[in-house]
C-alpha cells in the first residue's frame, strides 16, 4: 500500500462545522469518519463531507500544514475550500 501524507478538511454541510485532520491514507480515514467508527468531534457534529485536501511529500510537512490551517480564522478556511471546491462537493465520492 502506498502511503501519501495528506491534510484534509471535512464539513457537516456547506458553511457548516469544519474539521481539519492529517493522515497517510485519506480514503480509509474518510471512511472511518463516515462510518462513525470512533467517538469524537466528527461523529458528534456529523462532519463527514470531504471538501478539501492537500498532498505532501512527508508527514512532517503535512503536520506542519495542519497546524497552520488550524490557526487560521474561519473565513480563511472557507475561502480556501471555495477556491478549490466552490460547490462543496464531497470529494471522496470521486474515488
N, C-alpha and C. Protein backbone atom coordinates (compact mmCIF):
# COMPACT_ATOMS: atom_id res chain seq x y z
N UNK A 1 0.84 -1.18 0.00
CA UNK A 1 0.00 0.00 0.00
C UNK A 1 0.89 1.25 0.00
N UNK A 2 0.57 2.20 -0.85
CA UNK A 2 1.31 3.45 -0.93
C UNK A 2 0.72 4.42 0.09
N UNK A 3 1.57 4.96 0.92
CA UNK A 3 1.13 5.93 1.91
C UNK A 3 1.40 7.33 1.38
N UNK A 4 0.40 8.18 1.45
CA UNK A 4 0.51 9.56 0.97
C UNK A 4 0.09 10.51 2.07
N UNK A 5 1.02 11.26 2.66
CA UNK A 5 0.64 12.23 3.68
C UNK A 5 -0.32 13.28 3.11
N UNK A 6 -1.42 13.50 3.83
CA UNK A 6 -2.48 14.40 3.36
C UNK A 6 -3.04 15.19 4.53
N UNK A 7 -3.31 16.46 4.28
CA UNK A 7 -4.12 17.28 5.18
C UNK A 7 -5.49 17.38 4.54
N UNK A 8 -6.53 17.24 5.34
CA UNK A 8 -7.89 17.25 4.78
C UNK A 8 -8.82 18.08 5.64
N UNK A 9 -9.89 18.56 4.98
CA UNK A 9 -10.94 19.29 5.70
C UNK A 9 -12.26 18.59 5.42
N UNK A 10 -12.97 18.28 6.49
CA UNK A 10 -14.32 17.73 6.40
C UNK A 10 -15.30 18.81 6.84
N UNK A 11 -16.52 18.73 6.32
CA UNK A 11 -17.58 19.67 6.71
C UNK A 11 -18.86 18.90 7.00
N UNK A 12 -19.71 19.49 7.81
CA UNK A 12 -21.02 18.90 8.08
C UNK A 12 -21.99 19.21 6.95
N UNK A 13 -21.80 20.37 6.31
CA UNK A 13 -22.61 20.84 5.19
C UNK A 13 -21.92 22.09 4.66
N UNK A 14 -22.43 22.69 3.61
CA UNK A 14 -21.85 23.93 3.10
C UNK A 14 -21.90 24.98 4.21
N UNK A 15 -20.75 25.60 4.47
CA UNK A 15 -20.60 26.62 5.52
C UNK A 15 -20.91 26.09 6.91
N UNK A 16 -20.86 24.77 7.08
CA UNK A 16 -21.15 24.17 8.37
C UNK A 16 -19.91 24.00 9.23
N UNK A 17 -20.01 23.08 10.16
CA UNK A 17 -18.91 22.76 11.06
C UNK A 17 -17.76 22.17 10.26
N UNK A 18 -16.52 22.59 10.57
CA UNK A 18 -15.33 22.12 9.86
C UNK A 18 -14.43 21.31 10.79
N UNK A 19 -13.73 20.36 10.19
CA UNK A 19 -12.73 19.56 10.91
C UNK A 19 -11.50 19.45 10.03
N UNK A 20 -10.33 19.69 10.59
CA UNK A 20 -9.08 19.56 9.86
C UNK A 20 -8.29 18.41 10.46
N UNK A 21 -7.80 17.52 9.58
CA UNK A 21 -7.03 16.39 10.04
C UNK A 21 -5.86 16.08 9.12
N UNK A 22 -5.04 15.14 9.53
CA UNK A 22 -3.90 14.69 8.75
C UNK A 22 -3.88 13.17 8.79
N UNK A 23 -3.48 12.55 7.68
CA UNK A 23 -3.45 11.10 7.60
C UNK A 23 -2.48 10.67 6.51
N UNK A 24 -2.16 9.40 6.48
CA UNK A 24 -1.35 8.86 5.39
C UNK A 24 -2.19 7.99 4.46
N UNK A 25 -3.48 7.85 4.79
CA UNK A 25 -4.39 7.07 3.94
C UNK A 25 -5.75 7.77 3.94
N UNK A 26 -5.93 8.69 3.00
CA UNK A 26 -7.10 9.55 3.01
C UNK A 26 -8.42 8.79 2.88
N UNK A 27 -8.52 7.89 1.93
CA UNK A 27 -9.79 7.19 1.72
C UNK A 27 -10.19 6.37 2.94
N UNK A 28 -9.23 5.68 3.53
CA UNK A 28 -9.54 4.89 4.72
C UNK A 28 -9.98 5.79 5.88
N UNK A 29 -9.28 6.91 6.05
CA UNK A 29 -9.61 7.81 7.16
C UNK A 29 -10.97 8.44 6.96
N UNK A 30 -11.29 8.87 5.75
CA UNK A 30 -12.61 9.45 5.48
C UNK A 30 -13.69 8.41 5.72
N UNK A 31 -13.46 7.17 5.31
CA UNK A 31 -14.43 6.11 5.56
C UNK A 31 -14.64 5.89 7.06
N UNK A 32 -13.58 6.03 7.85
CA UNK A 32 -13.72 5.91 9.30
C UNK A 32 -14.61 7.03 9.84
N UNK A 33 -14.41 8.23 9.34
CA UNK A 33 -15.27 9.35 9.78
C UNK A 33 -16.72 9.10 9.36
N UNK A 34 -16.94 8.68 8.13
CA UNK A 34 -18.30 8.48 7.62
C UNK A 34 -19.04 7.36 8.36
N UNK A 35 -18.30 6.33 8.74
CA UNK A 35 -18.94 5.19 9.41
C UNK A 35 -19.16 5.45 10.90
N UNK A 36 -18.59 6.53 11.43
CA UNK A 36 -18.73 6.82 12.86
C UNK A 36 -17.99 5.81 13.71
N UNK A 37 -16.93 5.24 13.15
CA UNK A 37 -16.17 4.18 13.81
C UNK A 37 -15.65 4.60 15.18
N UNK A 38 -15.28 5.87 15.31
CA UNK A 38 -14.72 6.35 16.57
C UNK A 38 -15.59 7.47 17.13
N UNK A 39 -15.78 7.46 18.45
CA UNK A 39 -16.47 8.58 19.10
C UNK A 39 -15.57 9.81 18.99
N UNK A 40 -16.18 10.95 18.89
CA UNK A 40 -15.38 12.17 18.86
C UNK A 40 -16.09 13.30 18.15
N UNK A 41 -15.34 14.32 17.83
CA UNK A 41 -15.87 15.55 17.26
C UNK A 41 -16.65 15.30 15.98
N UNK A 42 -16.07 14.57 15.03
CA UNK A 42 -16.74 14.40 13.73
C UNK A 42 -18.02 13.60 13.86
N UNK A 43 -18.06 12.65 14.76
CA UNK A 43 -19.28 11.88 14.96
C UNK A 43 -20.33 12.74 15.68
N UNK A 44 -19.91 13.47 16.69
CA UNK A 44 -20.83 14.29 17.47
C UNK A 44 -21.51 15.36 16.61
N UNK A 45 -20.73 15.96 15.70
CA UNK A 45 -21.26 17.07 14.89
C UNK A 45 -21.57 16.66 13.45
N UNK A 46 -21.55 15.36 13.17
CA UNK A 46 -21.91 14.82 11.85
C UNK A 46 -21.08 15.46 10.73
N UNK A 47 -19.77 15.51 10.94
CA UNK A 47 -18.84 16.12 10.00
C UNK A 47 -18.25 14.99 9.14
N UNK A 48 -18.79 14.84 7.91
CA UNK A 48 -18.43 13.67 7.11
C UNK A 48 -18.17 13.97 5.63
N UNK A 49 -18.26 15.22 5.21
CA UNK A 49 -18.10 15.55 3.79
C UNK A 49 -16.67 16.03 3.55
N UNK A 50 -15.92 15.31 2.73
CA UNK A 50 -14.56 15.71 2.38
C UNK A 50 -14.63 16.85 1.38
N UNK A 51 -14.26 18.06 1.82
CA UNK A 51 -14.39 19.23 0.95
C UNK A 51 -13.05 19.78 0.47
N UNK A 52 -11.95 19.31 1.06
CA UNK A 52 -10.63 19.83 0.66
C UNK A 52 -9.55 18.86 1.13
N UNK A 53 -8.49 18.75 0.33
CA UNK A 53 -7.30 18.03 0.79
C UNK A 53 -6.07 18.51 0.04
N UNK A 54 -4.92 18.33 0.67
CA UNK A 54 -3.62 18.67 0.09
C UNK A 54 -2.68 17.50 0.33
N UNK A 55 -1.96 17.07 -0.70
CA UNK A 55 -0.95 16.02 -0.59
C UNK A 55 0.41 16.64 -0.25
N UNK A 56 1.23 15.90 0.48
CA UNK A 56 2.57 16.34 0.86
C UNK A 56 3.57 15.20 0.70
N UNK A 57 4.83 15.56 0.44
CA UNK A 57 5.85 14.51 0.28
C UNK A 57 6.20 13.81 1.58
N UNK A 58 6.08 14.51 2.72
CA UNK A 58 6.41 13.90 4.01
C UNK A 58 5.32 14.19 5.04
N UNK A 59 5.25 13.35 6.04
CA UNK A 59 4.27 13.54 7.11
C UNK A 59 4.60 14.80 7.93
N UNK A 60 5.88 15.11 8.08
CA UNK A 60 6.27 16.31 8.83
C UNK A 60 5.70 17.56 8.15
N UNK A 61 5.77 17.61 6.82
CA UNK A 61 5.21 18.76 6.09
C UNK A 61 3.69 18.81 6.22
N UNK A 62 3.05 17.65 6.18
CA UNK A 62 1.59 17.59 6.32
C UNK A 62 1.17 18.07 7.71
N UNK A 63 1.86 17.63 8.73
CA UNK A 63 1.52 18.03 10.10
C UNK A 63 1.75 19.53 10.29
N UNK A 64 2.81 20.05 9.71
CA UNK A 64 3.08 21.49 9.78
C UNK A 64 1.94 22.28 9.15
N UNK A 65 1.47 21.82 7.97
CA UNK A 65 0.36 22.50 7.29
C UNK A 65 -0.93 22.37 8.10
N UNK A 66 -1.18 21.20 8.68
CA UNK A 66 -2.38 21.02 9.50
C UNK A 66 -2.40 22.02 10.65
N UNK A 67 -1.27 22.17 11.33
CA UNK A 67 -1.19 23.11 12.44
C UNK A 67 -1.41 24.54 11.97
N UNK A 68 -0.89 24.86 10.78
CA UNK A 68 -1.08 26.20 10.21
C UNK A 68 -2.56 26.45 9.94
N UNK A 69 -3.22 25.50 9.27
CA UNK A 69 -4.63 25.67 8.94
C UNK A 69 -5.51 25.78 10.18
N UNK A 70 -5.18 25.03 11.20
CA UNK A 70 -5.98 25.07 12.43
C UNK A 70 -5.91 26.43 13.11
N UNK A 71 -4.84 27.19 12.86
CA UNK A 71 -4.71 28.53 13.44
C UNK A 71 -5.43 29.59 12.62
N UNK A 72 -5.80 29.26 11.38
CA UNK A 72 -6.49 30.22 10.52
C UNK A 72 -7.87 30.55 11.08
N UNK A 73 -8.35 31.74 10.75
CA UNK A 73 -9.72 32.05 11.13
C UNK A 73 -10.68 31.35 10.17
N UNK A 74 -11.91 31.26 10.57
CA UNK A 74 -12.92 30.51 9.81
C UNK A 74 -13.10 31.05 8.38
N UNK A 75 -13.08 32.35 8.21
CA UNK A 75 -13.26 32.93 6.88
C UNK A 75 -12.17 32.48 5.92
N UNK A 76 -10.93 32.40 6.39
CA UNK A 76 -9.83 31.95 5.53
C UNK A 76 -10.02 30.49 5.13
N UNK A 77 -10.48 29.67 6.08
CA UNK A 77 -10.71 28.25 5.78
C UNK A 77 -11.81 28.10 4.73
N UNK A 78 -12.88 28.84 4.89
CA UNK A 78 -13.98 28.78 3.92
C UNK A 78 -13.52 29.26 2.56
N UNK A 79 -12.71 30.32 2.52
CA UNK A 79 -12.18 30.82 1.25
C UNK A 79 -11.31 29.76 0.58
N UNK A 80 -10.48 29.07 1.34
CA UNK A 80 -9.64 28.01 0.79
C UNK A 80 -10.50 26.91 0.18
N UNK A 81 -11.53 26.50 0.88
CA UNK A 81 -12.44 25.46 0.36
C UNK A 81 -13.10 25.96 -0.92
N UNK A 82 -13.66 27.14 -0.89
CA UNK A 82 -14.44 27.63 -2.04
C UNK A 82 -13.57 27.93 -3.26
N UNK A 83 -12.29 28.26 -3.06
CA UNK A 83 -11.39 28.46 -4.20
C UNK A 83 -11.14 27.15 -4.94
N UNK A 84 -11.18 26.04 -4.22
CA UNK A 84 -10.86 24.73 -4.79
C UNK A 84 -12.08 23.85 -5.01
N UNK A 85 -13.15 24.12 -4.29
CA UNK A 85 -14.35 23.29 -4.35
C UNK A 85 -15.58 24.18 -4.09
N UNK A 86 -15.91 25.07 -5.06
CA UNK A 86 -16.96 26.06 -4.82
C UNK A 86 -18.33 25.48 -4.49
N UNK A 87 -18.63 24.28 -4.94
CA UNK A 87 -19.93 23.68 -4.66
C UNK A 87 -19.93 22.83 -3.38
N UNK A 88 -18.80 22.76 -2.71
CA UNK A 88 -18.65 21.96 -1.50
C UNK A 88 -19.01 20.49 -1.78
N UNK A 89 -18.66 20.02 -2.94
CA UNK A 89 -18.90 18.62 -3.34
C UNK A 89 -18.09 17.68 -2.44
N UNK A 90 -18.64 16.52 -2.16
CA UNK A 90 -17.92 15.50 -1.38
C UNK A 90 -16.88 14.87 -2.28
N UNK A 91 -15.62 15.24 -2.08
CA UNK A 91 -14.53 14.77 -2.94
C UNK A 91 -14.25 13.28 -2.80
N UNK A 92 -14.70 12.68 -1.71
CA UNK A 92 -14.48 11.24 -1.53
C UNK A 92 -15.38 10.41 -2.45
N UNK A 93 -16.41 11.01 -2.99
CA UNK A 93 -17.30 10.28 -3.88
C UNK A 93 -16.74 10.11 -5.28
N UNK A 94 -15.62 10.76 -5.58
CA UNK A 94 -14.97 10.61 -6.88
C UNK A 94 -14.11 9.36 -6.95
N UNK A 95 -13.86 8.71 -5.82
CA UNK A 95 -12.94 7.57 -5.78
C UNK A 95 -13.67 6.27 -5.57
